[in-house]
Every structure is written in C-alpha cells, then in structure tokens.
Amino acid sequence: MESVLTRRVTTWGIRSLKPEDREALHLLLVETGVFRQDEVLIAMELIDTVLDRLDQRDYIIYLYDDGGEVAGYYCIGPTPATQGTFDLYWIAVKPSMQGKGIGRALNAHAEDLIRSKNGRLVVAETSSQPKYEKTRQFYLSNGYSELARIHDYYRIGDDLVVYGKYLT
C-alpha cells in the first residue's frame, strides 16, 4: 500500500517556474555542494532564459514546491536536430529534502511531459567524479542506462558519463 508521504510527493507540489523562484533555485544549486560556480552560472542562465523569453521553446523548467519552499527542480529541452530526443539538463533536490522521493517525482513528471511532446528518448550527462556518485545512482535507479563514457572529457580524470532512457 502506498504511504501518504509517497502519494503526496508523487502527486502534489510540482508546478511551473515563476520569477519569484529564481533566488530559491540559486540557493538550492549552491546548497547541493555538488556544482562548481561556473555550473551554477550555467543553470541560472537557463532559468533566466525561461523567465525572460516566454516565447523560447528550448528549455522547460518545473519545480517541486513543498508548501512554499522550493525543494527541487528539473530543466529539460528537445535536443536540436533530433526527432523525439530530449535532454535532461538539470535535476536537483535541496539536500535537506533528498531521500524523500522528490527527485523521483520530478523525473517521472519530466518523462510524462516528454511523452506528451512525442518524446521517445531522454539523455542526461554527468561527471564521473565521486561527488556525482549519488547522481549516477539516481539515474540507474530510475531506469536509465549508461550509454557512453568519454574519458578525461571535463578535465584529466573527469569523464563525461551519458545516461539514457527510452520511453515506451
């Protein structure tokens, strides 16, 4: 039987991005302790693109709102020059809220949204660094497979790990 917490996390709280969420998302990205400053700036650039250019179709952002507190978010977008492939650019959960099913709920929401847009494949890229171990395990536990690894991609000793999931 599904618990109340699980039911609440999987069905309640996911909403689209609002301008007033910007600072909370910045803080969330910094609080994770995983992303370098330049990575946070890239994430914020995508957030600003969604907030400032309402006509753009490259990035879609949803977040998990836990009673007025931004607990996590994702950013996806259709991969240019493909048919039905989407990139999962960012998915992050506030450290104090991790392990409660929020990341899983956000990922499921993203997959449903991608399916609704005739998407068939989700691709997510991450680093091989030890601090990304939980991220890599998250992808595997959510049905993604490691599709590729490019050694020394980001820098010497830091591989690019590409995960994918076919949505059928």
N, C-alpha and C. Protein backbone atom coordinates (compact mmCIF):
# COMPACT_ATOMS: atom_id res chain seq x y z
N MET A 1 0.83 -1.18 0.00
CA MET A 1 0.00 0.00 0.00
C MET A 1 0.88 1.25 0.00
N GLU A 2 0.53 2.24 -0.80
CA GLU A 2 1.30 3.47 -0.93
C GLU A 2 1.12 4.34 0.31
N SER A 3 2.22 4.87 0.83
CA SER A 3 2.12 5.72 2.02
C SER A 3 1.61 7.11 1.64
N VAL A 4 1.14 7.84 2.63
CA VAL A 4 0.66 9.21 2.40
C VAL A 4 1.80 10.07 1.89
N LEU A 5 3.01 9.93 2.48
CA LEU A 5 4.15 10.73 2.04
C LEU A 5 4.46 10.46 0.58
N THR A 6 4.52 9.19 0.19
CA THR A 6 4.81 8.84 -1.19
C THR A 6 3.74 9.40 -2.12
N ARG A 7 2.50 9.25 -1.75
CA ARG A 7 1.41 9.74 -2.59
C ARG A 7 1.51 11.26 -2.72
N ARG A 8 1.78 11.95 -1.61
CA ARG A 8 1.89 13.41 -1.63
C ARG A 8 3.05 13.84 -2.52
N VAL A 9 4.20 13.22 -2.37
CA VAL A 9 5.37 13.59 -3.14
C VAL A 9 5.17 13.33 -4.62
N THR A 10 4.49 12.28 -4.98
CA THR A 10 4.37 11.95 -6.39
C THR A 10 3.22 12.67 -7.08
N THR A 11 2.29 13.25 -6.33
CA THR A 11 1.13 13.86 -7.00
C THR A 11 0.93 15.33 -6.67
N TRP A 12 1.63 15.85 -5.71
CA TRP A 12 1.37 17.21 -5.27
C TRP A 12 2.66 18.01 -5.27
N GLY A 13 2.58 19.25 -5.63
CA GLY A 13 3.72 20.14 -5.45
C GLY A 13 4.50 20.48 -6.69
N ILE A 14 4.34 19.78 -7.79
CA ILE A 14 5.10 20.10 -8.99
C ILE A 14 4.35 21.17 -9.76
N ARG A 15 5.09 22.25 -10.06
CA ARG A 15 4.49 23.37 -10.77
C ARG A 15 5.53 24.04 -11.66
N SER A 16 5.06 24.89 -12.54
CA SER A 16 5.98 25.60 -13.43
C SER A 16 6.72 26.71 -12.69
N LEU A 17 7.78 27.14 -13.29
CA LEU A 17 8.67 28.16 -12.74
C LEU A 17 7.99 29.53 -12.72
N LYS A 18 8.21 30.28 -11.63
CA LYS A 18 7.74 31.67 -11.51
C LYS A 18 8.95 32.56 -11.24
N PRO A 19 8.88 33.83 -11.59
CA PRO A 19 10.02 34.73 -11.35
C PRO A 19 10.49 34.74 -9.90
N GLU A 20 9.57 34.63 -8.96
CA GLU A 20 9.96 34.69 -7.55
C GLU A 20 10.71 33.43 -7.09
N ASP A 21 10.82 32.42 -7.93
CA ASP A 21 11.55 31.19 -7.59
C ASP A 21 13.04 31.31 -7.86
N ARG A 22 13.45 32.34 -8.60
CA ARG A 22 14.83 32.43 -9.08
C ARG A 22 15.85 32.32 -7.94
N GLU A 23 15.71 33.13 -6.92
CA GLU A 23 16.70 33.14 -5.84
C GLU A 23 16.71 31.82 -5.07
N ALA A 24 15.53 31.24 -4.86
CA ALA A 24 15.47 29.95 -4.15
C ALA A 24 16.17 28.85 -4.96
N LEU A 25 16.04 28.90 -6.28
CA LEU A 25 16.73 27.90 -7.12
C LEU A 25 18.23 28.13 -7.09
N HIS A 26 18.66 29.38 -7.10
CA HIS A 26 20.09 29.66 -7.00
C HIS A 26 20.65 29.09 -5.68
N LEU A 27 19.96 29.36 -4.60
CA LEU A 27 20.38 28.87 -3.29
C LEU A 27 20.40 27.34 -3.27
N LEU A 28 19.39 26.71 -3.84
CA LEU A 28 19.32 25.25 -3.90
C LEU A 28 20.54 24.68 -4.62
N LEU A 29 20.88 25.27 -5.77
CA LEU A 29 22.02 24.79 -6.55
C LEU A 29 23.32 24.91 -5.76
N VAL A 30 23.49 26.01 -5.05
CA VAL A 30 24.69 26.21 -4.24
C VAL A 30 24.70 25.24 -3.06
N GLU A 31 23.54 25.08 -2.40
CA GLU A 31 23.45 24.22 -1.22
C GLU A 31 23.77 22.76 -1.50
N THR A 32 23.55 22.31 -2.72
CA THR A 32 23.84 20.90 -3.01
C THR A 32 25.30 20.57 -2.76
N GLY A 33 26.17 21.56 -2.94
CA GLY A 33 27.60 21.33 -2.75
C GLY A 33 28.22 20.51 -3.86
N VAL A 34 27.47 20.23 -4.89
CA VAL A 34 27.95 19.40 -5.98
C VAL A 34 28.44 20.26 -7.14
N PHE A 35 27.74 21.32 -7.44
CA PHE A 35 28.02 22.10 -8.64
C PHE A 35 29.08 23.17 -8.38
N ARG A 36 30.02 23.26 -9.34
CA ARG A 36 31.01 24.33 -9.30
C ARG A 36 30.32 25.67 -9.61
N GLN A 37 30.97 26.76 -9.31
CA GLN A 37 30.39 28.08 -9.54
C GLN A 37 30.02 28.28 -11.01
N ASP A 38 30.87 27.83 -11.94
CA ASP A 38 30.56 28.00 -13.36
C ASP A 38 29.34 27.16 -13.76
N GLU A 39 29.15 26.02 -13.12
CA GLU A 39 27.97 25.19 -13.40
C GLU A 39 26.71 25.87 -12.89
N VAL A 40 26.78 26.47 -11.72
CA VAL A 40 25.63 27.19 -11.17
C VAL A 40 25.26 28.34 -12.10
N LEU A 41 26.27 29.04 -12.62
CA LEU A 41 26.00 30.15 -13.55
C LEU A 41 25.30 29.65 -14.82
N ILE A 42 25.68 28.48 -15.31
CA ILE A 42 25.02 27.91 -16.49
C ILE A 42 23.56 27.58 -16.17
N ALA A 43 23.34 26.96 -15.02
CA ALA A 43 21.96 26.64 -14.62
C ALA A 43 21.13 27.91 -14.50
N MET A 44 21.71 28.95 -13.92
CA MET A 44 20.98 30.21 -13.77
C MET A 44 20.71 30.87 -15.12
N GLU A 45 21.61 30.69 -16.05
CA GLU A 45 21.39 31.22 -17.40
C GLU A 45 20.16 30.57 -18.04
N LEU A 46 20.00 29.26 -17.84
CA LEU A 46 18.83 28.57 -18.39
C LEU A 46 17.56 29.02 -17.67
N ILE A 47 17.64 29.18 -16.36
CA ILE A 47 16.49 29.67 -15.59
C ILE A 47 16.09 31.06 -16.08
N ASP A 48 17.07 31.93 -16.26
CA ASP A 48 16.79 33.28 -16.75
C ASP A 48 16.21 33.25 -18.16
N THR A 49 16.68 32.35 -19.00
CA THR A 49 16.13 32.24 -20.35
C THR A 49 14.64 31.90 -20.29
N VAL A 50 14.27 30.95 -19.44
CA VAL A 50 12.86 30.57 -19.31
C VAL A 50 12.04 31.73 -18.76
N LEU A 51 12.58 32.45 -17.79
CA LEU A 51 11.85 33.55 -17.17
C LEU A 51 11.74 34.77 -18.08
N ASP A 52 12.79 35.05 -18.85
CA ASP A 52 12.85 36.29 -19.61
C ASP A 52 12.35 36.18 -21.05
N ARG A 53 12.38 34.98 -21.60
CA ARG A 53 11.99 34.81 -23.01
C ARG A 53 10.82 33.83 -23.07
N LEU A 54 9.65 34.34 -22.83
CA LEU A 54 8.47 33.48 -22.75
C LEU A 54 8.16 32.76 -24.06
N ASP A 55 8.69 33.25 -25.17
CA ASP A 55 8.44 32.63 -26.47
C ASP A 55 9.44 31.52 -26.81
N GLN A 56 10.48 31.36 -26.01
CA GLN A 56 11.50 30.34 -26.31
C GLN A 56 10.93 28.94 -26.08
N ARG A 57 11.43 27.96 -26.80
CA ARG A 57 10.96 26.58 -26.69
C ARG A 57 12.11 25.59 -26.45
N ASP A 58 13.29 26.13 -26.12
CA ASP A 58 14.47 25.28 -25.93
C ASP A 58 14.53 24.64 -24.55
N TYR A 59 13.99 25.31 -23.53
CA TYR A 59 14.10 24.85 -22.16
C TYR A 59 12.74 24.89 -21.48
N ILE A 60 12.48 23.86 -20.67
CA ILE A 60 11.25 23.75 -19.89
C ILE A 60 11.67 23.48 -18.46
N ILE A 61 11.16 24.27 -17.52
CA ILE A 61 11.53 24.10 -16.12
C ILE A 61 10.28 23.93 -15.27
N TYR A 62 10.32 22.90 -14.43
CA TYR A 62 9.30 22.68 -13.40
C TYR A 62 10.02 22.51 -12.07
N LEU A 63 9.32 22.81 -11.00
CA LEU A 63 9.92 22.63 -9.69
C LEU A 63 8.95 21.97 -8.74
N TYR A 64 9.51 21.49 -7.64
CA TYR A 64 8.71 20.89 -6.58
C TYR A 64 8.59 21.91 -5.47
N ASP A 65 7.37 22.32 -5.20
CA ASP A 65 7.06 23.31 -4.18
C ASP A 65 6.50 22.56 -2.97
N ASP A 66 7.25 22.60 -1.87
CA ASP A 66 6.83 21.93 -0.65
C ASP A 66 6.26 22.96 0.31
N GLY A 67 5.01 23.31 0.10
CA GLY A 67 4.35 24.28 0.97
C GLY A 67 5.00 25.65 0.96
N GLY A 68 5.41 26.11 -0.22
CA GLY A 68 6.02 27.42 -0.35
C GLY A 68 7.54 27.40 -0.36
N GLU A 69 8.12 26.26 -0.15
CA GLU A 69 9.58 26.12 -0.20
C GLU A 69 9.96 25.34 -1.45
N VAL A 70 10.89 25.89 -2.23
CA VAL A 70 11.37 25.20 -3.42
C VAL A 70 12.27 24.07 -2.97
N ALA A 71 11.83 22.84 -3.22
CA ALA A 71 12.57 21.66 -2.75
C ALA A 71 13.39 21.00 -3.84
N GLY A 72 13.07 21.25 -5.10
CA GLY A 72 13.81 20.65 -6.21
C GLY A 72 13.29 21.18 -7.52
N TYR A 73 14.03 20.87 -8.58
CA TYR A 73 13.59 21.29 -9.91
C TYR A 73 14.24 20.45 -10.99
N TYR A 74 13.67 20.57 -12.19
CA TYR A 74 14.32 19.99 -13.37
C TYR A 74 14.22 20.95 -14.52
N CYS A 75 15.15 20.78 -15.46
CA CYS A 75 15.15 21.53 -16.71
C CYS A 75 15.38 20.54 -17.83
N ILE A 76 14.46 20.51 -18.78
CA ILE A 76 14.58 19.63 -19.95
C ILE A 76 14.44 20.49 -21.21
N GLY A 77 14.75 19.87 -22.34
CA GLY A 77 14.52 20.54 -23.61
C GLY A 77 14.71 19.57 -24.75
N PRO A 78 14.02 19.83 -25.86
CA PRO A 78 14.21 18.97 -27.03
C PRO A 78 15.64 19.14 -27.57
N THR A 79 16.26 18.03 -27.92
CA THR A 79 17.61 18.07 -28.45
C THR A 79 17.56 18.54 -29.89
N PRO A 80 18.28 19.62 -30.23
CA PRO A 80 18.24 20.12 -31.61
C PRO A 80 18.63 19.05 -32.62
N ALA A 81 17.98 19.10 -33.78
CA ALA A 81 18.26 18.24 -34.92
C ALA A 81 17.95 16.76 -34.66
N THR A 82 17.05 16.49 -33.70
CA THR A 82 16.62 15.11 -33.45
C THR A 82 15.11 15.05 -33.52
N GLN A 83 14.60 13.84 -33.60
CA GLN A 83 13.16 13.62 -33.55
C GLN A 83 12.85 12.81 -32.30
N GLY A 84 12.27 13.48 -31.32
CA GLY A 84 11.83 12.79 -30.12
C GLY A 84 12.87 12.60 -29.04
N THR A 85 14.05 13.20 -29.18
CA THR A 85 15.07 13.10 -28.14
C THR A 85 15.05 14.39 -27.32
N PHE A 86 15.11 14.22 -26.01
CA PHE A 86 15.13 15.35 -25.08
C PHE A 86 16.34 15.23 -24.18
N ASP A 87 16.91 16.38 -23.84
CA ASP A 87 17.98 16.43 -22.85
C ASP A 87 17.38 16.74 -21.49
N LEU A 88 17.85 16.03 -20.48
CA LEU A 88 17.57 16.37 -19.09
C LEU A 88 18.79 17.17 -18.64
N TYR A 89 18.68 18.49 -18.71
CA TYR A 89 19.82 19.35 -18.44
C TYR A 89 20.16 19.41 -16.96
N TRP A 90 19.12 19.54 -16.12
CA TRP A 90 19.33 19.68 -14.69
C TRP A 90 18.22 18.98 -13.95
N ILE A 91 18.58 18.32 -12.88
CA ILE A 91 17.62 17.86 -11.90
C ILE A 91 18.34 17.92 -10.56
N ALA A 92 17.75 18.63 -9.62
CA ALA A 92 18.42 18.82 -8.33
C ALA A 92 17.37 18.93 -7.24
N VAL A 93 17.72 18.42 -6.08
CA VAL A 93 16.85 18.47 -4.91
C VAL A 93 17.65 19.06 -3.76
N LYS A 94 17.00 19.93 -3.01
CA LYS A 94 17.60 20.55 -1.84
C LYS A 94 18.13 19.46 -0.91
N PRO A 95 19.36 19.57 -0.41
CA PRO A 95 19.93 18.50 0.41
C PRO A 95 19.04 18.07 1.58
N SER A 96 18.39 19.00 2.24
CA SER A 96 17.54 18.63 3.38
C SER A 96 16.29 17.88 2.96
N MET A 97 15.97 17.86 1.67
CA MET A 97 14.78 17.19 1.17
C MET A 97 15.11 15.92 0.38
N GLN A 98 16.39 15.60 0.25
CA GLN A 98 16.78 14.41 -0.51
C GLN A 98 16.36 13.14 0.22
N GLY A 99 16.10 12.10 -0.55
CA GLY A 99 15.72 10.81 0.01
C GLY A 99 14.24 10.70 0.34
N LYS A 100 13.44 11.67 -0.07
CA LYS A 100 12.01 11.67 0.23
C LYS A 100 11.15 11.41 -1.02
N GLY A 101 11.79 11.10 -2.14
CA GLY A 101 11.03 10.81 -3.36
C GLY A 101 10.80 12.01 -4.26
N ILE A 102 11.33 13.17 -3.90
CA ILE A 102 11.10 14.36 -4.71
C ILE A 102 11.80 14.25 -6.06
N GLY A 103 13.04 13.80 -6.07
CA GLY A 103 13.76 13.63 -7.34
C GLY A 103 13.06 12.63 -8.24
N ARG A 104 12.59 11.54 -7.66
CA ARG A 104 11.87 10.52 -8.43
C ARG A 104 10.57 11.11 -9.01
N ALA A 105 9.86 11.91 -8.20
CA ALA A 105 8.61 12.53 -8.67
C ALA A 105 8.90 13.54 -9.78
N LEU A 106 9.96 14.33 -9.63
CA LEU A 106 10.33 15.28 -10.68
C LEU A 106 10.71 14.55 -11.96
N ASN A 107 11.48 13.48 -11.83
CA ASN A 107 11.88 12.71 -13.01
C ASN A 107 10.66 12.11 -13.71
N ALA A 108 9.74 11.55 -12.95
CA ALA A 108 8.52 10.97 -13.54
C ALA A 108 7.70 12.05 -14.25
N HIS A 109 7.61 13.22 -13.65
CA HIS A 109 6.89 14.34 -14.27
C HIS A 109 7.56 14.73 -15.58
N ALA A 110 8.88 14.82 -15.56
CA ALA A 110 9.63 15.16 -16.78
C ALA A 110 9.37 14.13 -17.87
N GLU A 111 9.43 12.86 -17.52
CA GLU A 111 9.20 11.80 -18.51
C GLU A 111 7.78 11.88 -19.08
N ASP A 112 6.79 12.13 -18.23
CA ASP A 112 5.41 12.27 -18.71
C ASP A 112 5.28 13.46 -19.66
N LEU A 113 5.92 14.56 -19.31
CA LEU A 113 5.88 15.74 -20.16
C LEU A 113 6.55 15.47 -21.50
N ILE A 114 7.67 14.79 -21.46
CA ILE A 114 8.39 14.44 -22.70
C ILE A 114 7.52 13.54 -23.57
N ARG A 115 6.88 12.54 -22.98
CA ARG A 115 5.97 11.68 -23.74
C ARG A 115 4.85 12.49 -24.39
N SER A 116 4.32 13.46 -23.65
CA SER A 116 3.22 14.27 -24.17
C SER A 116 3.66 15.11 -25.37
N LYS A 117 4.96 15.30 -25.53
CA LYS A 117 5.51 16.05 -26.64
C LYS A 117 6.13 15.11 -27.69
N ASN A 118 5.65 13.86 -27.70
CA ASN A 118 6.11 12.83 -28.62
C ASN A 118 7.59 12.50 -28.45
N GLY A 119 8.07 12.67 -27.23
CA GLY A 119 9.45 12.30 -26.95
C GLY A 119 9.58 10.81 -26.76
N ARG A 120 10.74 10.29 -27.13
CA ARG A 120 10.97 8.85 -27.04
C ARG A 120 12.26 8.49 -26.30
N LEU A 121 13.16 9.47 -26.15
CA LEU A 121 14.45 9.22 -25.51
C LEU A 121 14.83 10.42 -24.66
N VAL A 122 15.26 10.13 -23.42
CA VAL A 122 15.79 11.16 -22.52
C VAL A 122 17.28 10.89 -22.34
N VAL A 123 18.09 11.94 -22.51
CA VAL A 123 19.54 11.83 -22.36
C VAL A 123 19.97 12.76 -21.22
N ALA A 124 20.80 12.23 -20.33
CA ALA A 124 21.33 13.02 -19.21
C ALA A 124 22.84 12.80 -19.15
N GLU A 125 23.56 13.89 -18.99
CA GLU A 125 25.01 13.82 -18.91
C GLU A 125 25.45 14.21 -17.51
N THR A 126 26.50 13.55 -17.02
CA THR A 126 27.05 13.91 -15.72
C THR A 126 28.54 13.59 -15.69
N SER A 127 29.14 13.87 -14.58
CA SER A 127 30.57 13.69 -14.36
C SER A 127 30.85 12.35 -13.68
N SER A 128 32.07 11.88 -13.86
CA SER A 128 32.50 10.64 -13.20
C SER A 128 33.08 10.90 -11.82
N GLN A 129 33.18 12.16 -11.41
CA GLN A 129 33.77 12.49 -10.12
C GLN A 129 32.98 11.84 -8.98
N PRO A 130 33.66 11.48 -7.89
CA PRO A 130 32.99 10.83 -6.76
C PRO A 130 31.79 11.63 -6.21
N LYS A 131 31.86 12.95 -6.24
CA LYS A 131 30.74 13.73 -5.70
C LYS A 131 29.46 13.57 -6.51
N TYR A 132 29.55 12.98 -7.70
CA TYR A 132 28.38 12.72 -8.54
C TYR A 132 27.89 11.27 -8.45
N GLU A 133 28.43 10.51 -7.50
CA GLU A 133 28.01 9.11 -7.36
C GLU A 133 26.51 8.99 -7.09
N LYS A 134 25.97 9.83 -6.21
CA LYS A 134 24.53 9.77 -5.93
C LYS A 134 23.72 10.11 -7.18
N THR A 135 24.22 11.02 -7.98
CA THR A 135 23.54 11.38 -9.24
C THR A 135 23.52 10.18 -10.18
N ARG A 136 24.67 9.52 -10.33
CA ARG A 136 24.73 8.36 -11.23
C ARG A 136 23.82 7.24 -10.74
N GLN A 137 23.79 7.02 -9.43
CA GLN A 137 22.89 6.01 -8.86
C GLN A 137 21.42 6.39 -9.05
N PHE A 138 21.13 7.67 -8.97
CA PHE A 138 19.77 8.16 -9.20
C PHE A 138 19.31 7.77 -10.61
N TYR A 139 20.15 8.05 -11.60
CA TYR A 139 19.77 7.71 -12.97
C TYR A 139 19.54 6.21 -13.12
N LEU A 140 20.45 5.42 -12.60
CA LEU A 140 20.31 3.96 -12.72
C LEU A 140 19.05 3.47 -12.02
N SER A 141 18.76 4.00 -10.85
CA SER A 141 17.58 3.55 -10.10
C SER A 141 16.27 4.01 -10.73
N ASN A 142 16.35 4.96 -11.66
CA ASN A 142 15.16 5.45 -12.35
C ASN A 142 15.07 4.91 -13.78
N GLY A 143 15.79 3.83 -14.04
CA GLY A 143 15.64 3.14 -15.31
C GLY A 143 16.52 3.62 -16.45
N TYR A 144 17.46 4.50 -16.16
CA TYR A 144 18.40 4.95 -17.18
C TYR A 144 19.52 3.92 -17.30
N SER A 145 20.15 3.91 -18.46
CA SER A 145 21.31 3.06 -18.69
C SER A 145 22.49 3.94 -19.07
N GLU A 146 23.68 3.51 -18.70
CA GLU A 146 24.87 4.24 -19.15
C GLU A 146 25.06 3.92 -20.63
N LEU A 147 24.98 4.95 -21.46
CA LEU A 147 25.09 4.78 -22.91
C LEU A 147 26.49 5.03 -23.43
N ALA A 148 27.22 5.90 -22.75
CA ALA A 148 28.56 6.25 -23.23
C ALA A 148 29.37 6.86 -22.10
N ARG A 149 30.67 6.79 -22.29
CA ARG A 149 31.62 7.41 -21.36
C ARG A 149 32.78 7.92 -22.19
N ILE A 150 33.08 9.20 -22.01
CA ILE A 150 34.22 9.80 -22.70
C ILE A 150 35.24 10.16 -21.62
N HIS A 151 36.36 9.46 -21.65
CA HIS A 151 37.39 9.64 -20.63
C HIS A 151 38.04 11.02 -20.75
N ASP A 152 38.34 11.60 -19.59
CA ASP A 152 39.03 12.88 -19.49
C ASP A 152 38.32 14.00 -20.25
N TYR A 153 37.00 13.96 -20.29
CA TYR A 153 36.21 14.93 -21.06
C TYR A 153 36.24 16.32 -20.42
N TYR A 154 35.85 16.42 -19.16
CA TYR A 154 35.79 17.72 -18.50
C TYR A 154 37.18 18.22 -18.15
N ARG A 155 38.02 17.30 -17.69
CA ARG A 155 39.42 17.56 -17.37
C ARG A 155 40.05 16.19 -17.13
N ILE A 156 41.35 16.14 -17.00
CA ILE A 156 42.04 14.88 -16.77
C ILE A 156 41.44 14.22 -15.52
N GLY A 157 41.00 12.98 -15.65
CA GLY A 157 40.43 12.24 -14.53
C GLY A 157 38.95 12.50 -14.29
N ASP A 158 38.32 13.26 -15.18
CA ASP A 158 36.89 13.59 -15.03
C ASP A 158 36.17 13.26 -16.33
N ASP A 159 35.56 12.07 -16.35
CA ASP A 159 34.89 11.59 -17.55
C ASP A 159 33.49 12.18 -17.69
N LEU A 160 33.03 12.26 -18.92
CA LEU A 160 31.62 12.53 -19.21
C LEU A 160 30.92 11.18 -19.22
N VAL A 161 29.85 11.04 -18.43
CA VAL A 161 29.05 9.83 -18.40
C VAL A 161 27.67 10.18 -18.94
N VAL A 162 27.26 9.50 -19.99
CA VAL A 162 25.99 9.79 -20.65
C VAL A 162 25.01 8.65 -20.33
N TYR A 163 23.88 9.06 -19.76
CA TYR A 163 22.80 8.12 -19.44
C TYR A 163 21.64 8.38 -20.38
N GLY A 164 20.88 7.33 -20.66
CA GLY A 164 19.70 7.49 -21.49
C GLY A 164 18.60 6.56 -21.05
N LYS A 165 17.38 6.97 -21.39
CA LYS A 165 16.21 6.14 -21.09
C LYS A 165 15.24 6.28 -22.25
N TYR A 166 14.89 5.13 -22.83
CA TYR A 166 13.88 5.11 -23.90
C TYR A 166 12.52 5.03 -23.26
N LEU A 167 11.64 5.92 -23.66
CA LEU A 167 10.28 5.99 -23.11
C LEU A 167 9.35 5.24 -24.04
N THR A 168 8.85 4.09 -23.59
CA THR A 168 7.97 3.30 -24.44
C THR A 168 6.63 3.11 -23.77
